[in-house]
Every structure is written in C-alpha cells, then in structure tokens.
Amino acid sequence: MEVRVGVADSPRELVVSSSLSPDEVESQVADALRAGSGHLTLVDQKGARYVVPASRIAYVEIGPSDSRKVGFTA
C-alpha cells in the first residue's frame, strides 16, 4: 500500500509504503483531522515513523504500491 501525503506550503509530497489496509489508513487520517491540533503518524514497512501535523495536511492519496518492472522487451 502506498500513501502519498501532500503537505501545505511544501513543493514535495511524502510517500510512505505501508502494510496497513486502505480502510486503516483512512481511519488514521480521519482521526488526525478530527483532533484539531493532532497529528498523523504513519509507519512504513521498514519501521520508520513519519509524523505530519494535521493542520498542514493538504491531501492524502491512498493506492496500491507501484511494482517496478525491470527488464527489456523485444
């Protein structure tokens, strides 16, 4: 599962590969946005933690991980 978080006033987005289901990620985002001064914490597949203040979240995109294809075609 790939989660992309757009941060307000930042030209880049945060991309996290998570083992959570889309519903679990959506629930975490909704909880963070409901708590006025809260934050969103995501943990990637390697165990790194990402913390984003909820007030700075511009958008969240939840989708399948892109598998990179390696090789040559004829």
Protein backbone atom coordinates (compact mmCIF):
# COMPACT_ATOMS: atom_id res chain seq x y z
CA MET A 1 0.00 0.00 0.00
CA GLU A 2 1.37 3.39 -0.97
CA VAL A 3 0.26 6.52 0.86
CA ARG A 4 1.04 9.99 -0.54
CA VAL A 5 0.59 12.95 1.79
CA GLY A 6 0.64 16.48 0.42
CA VAL A 7 1.93 18.98 2.96
CA ALA A 8 0.76 22.60 2.80
CA ASP A 9 3.41 25.09 1.58
CA SER A 10 5.74 22.28 0.52
CA PRO A 11 6.52 21.54 -3.13
CA ARG A 12 7.08 17.83 -2.46
CA GLU A 13 4.82 15.13 -1.11
CA LEU A 14 5.55 12.49 1.50
CA VAL A 15 5.39 8.94 0.11
CA VAL A 16 5.09 6.06 2.59
CA SER A 17 4.90 2.34 1.75
CA SER A 18 2.68 0.91 4.45
CA SER A 19 1.41 -2.56 5.30
CA LEU A 20 -1.92 -1.14 6.52
CA SER A 21 -5.14 -1.60 4.57
CA PRO A 22 -6.72 1.41 2.82
CA ASP A 23 -9.50 1.50 5.43
CA GLU A 24 -6.98 1.60 8.29
CA VAL A 25 -5.06 4.46 6.68
CA GLU A 26 -8.28 6.37 6.01
CA SER A 27 -9.33 5.90 9.63
CA GLN A 28 -5.98 7.23 10.91
CA VAL A 29 -6.21 10.27 8.64
CA ALA A 30 -9.81 10.99 9.68
CA ASP A 31 -8.90 10.69 13.38
CA ALA A 32 -5.96 13.08 12.93
CA LEU A 33 -8.13 15.64 11.12
CA ARG A 34 -10.91 15.43 13.74
CA ALA A 35 -8.46 16.17 16.56
CA GLY A 36 -7.96 19.90 15.99
CA SER A 37 -4.31 20.16 16.98
CA GLY A 38 -3.47 16.49 16.38
CA HIS A 39 -1.00 14.84 14.08
CA LEU A 40 -0.91 11.97 11.62
CA THR A 41 1.66 9.26 12.31
CA LEU A 42 2.43 6.69 9.63
CA VAL A 43 4.90 3.81 9.93
CA ASP A 44 6.46 2.39 6.77
CA GLN A 45 7.31 -1.24 6.06
CA LYS A 46 10.86 -0.76 7.38
CA GLY A 47 9.65 0.67 10.70
CA ALA A 48 10.41 4.37 10.07
CA ARG A 49 7.86 6.77 11.57
CA TYR A 50 6.53 9.85 9.78
CA VAL A 51 4.67 12.50 11.76
CA VAL A 52 2.72 15.26 9.98
CA PRO A 53 0.77 17.95 11.83
CA ALA A 54 -2.89 17.53 10.89
CA SER A 55 -3.25 21.26 10.26
CA ARG A 56 -0.60 21.04 7.49
CA ILE A 57 -2.17 18.11 5.56
CA ALA A 58 -3.24 19.29 2.10
CA TYR A 59 -4.34 15.89 0.72
CA VAL A 60 -3.86 12.15 1.20
CA GLU A 61 -3.76 9.70 -1.70
CA ILE A 62 -4.15 6.01 -0.86
CA GLY A 63 -3.38 3.45 -3.53
CA PRO A 64 -1.61 0.23 -4.40
CA SER A 65 2.18 0.17 -4.44
CA ASP A 66 3.73 0.54 -7.85
CA SER A 67 5.80 -2.51 -8.62
CA ARG A 68 8.81 -1.51 -10.61
CA LYS A 69 9.33 -3.61 -13.68
CA VAL A 70 12.89 -4.48 -14.60
CA GLY A 71 13.94 -5.91 -17.89
CA PHE A 72 13.90 -5.39 -21.59
CA THR A 73 11.16 -6.01 -24.09
CA ALA A 74 11.69 -7.28 -27.57
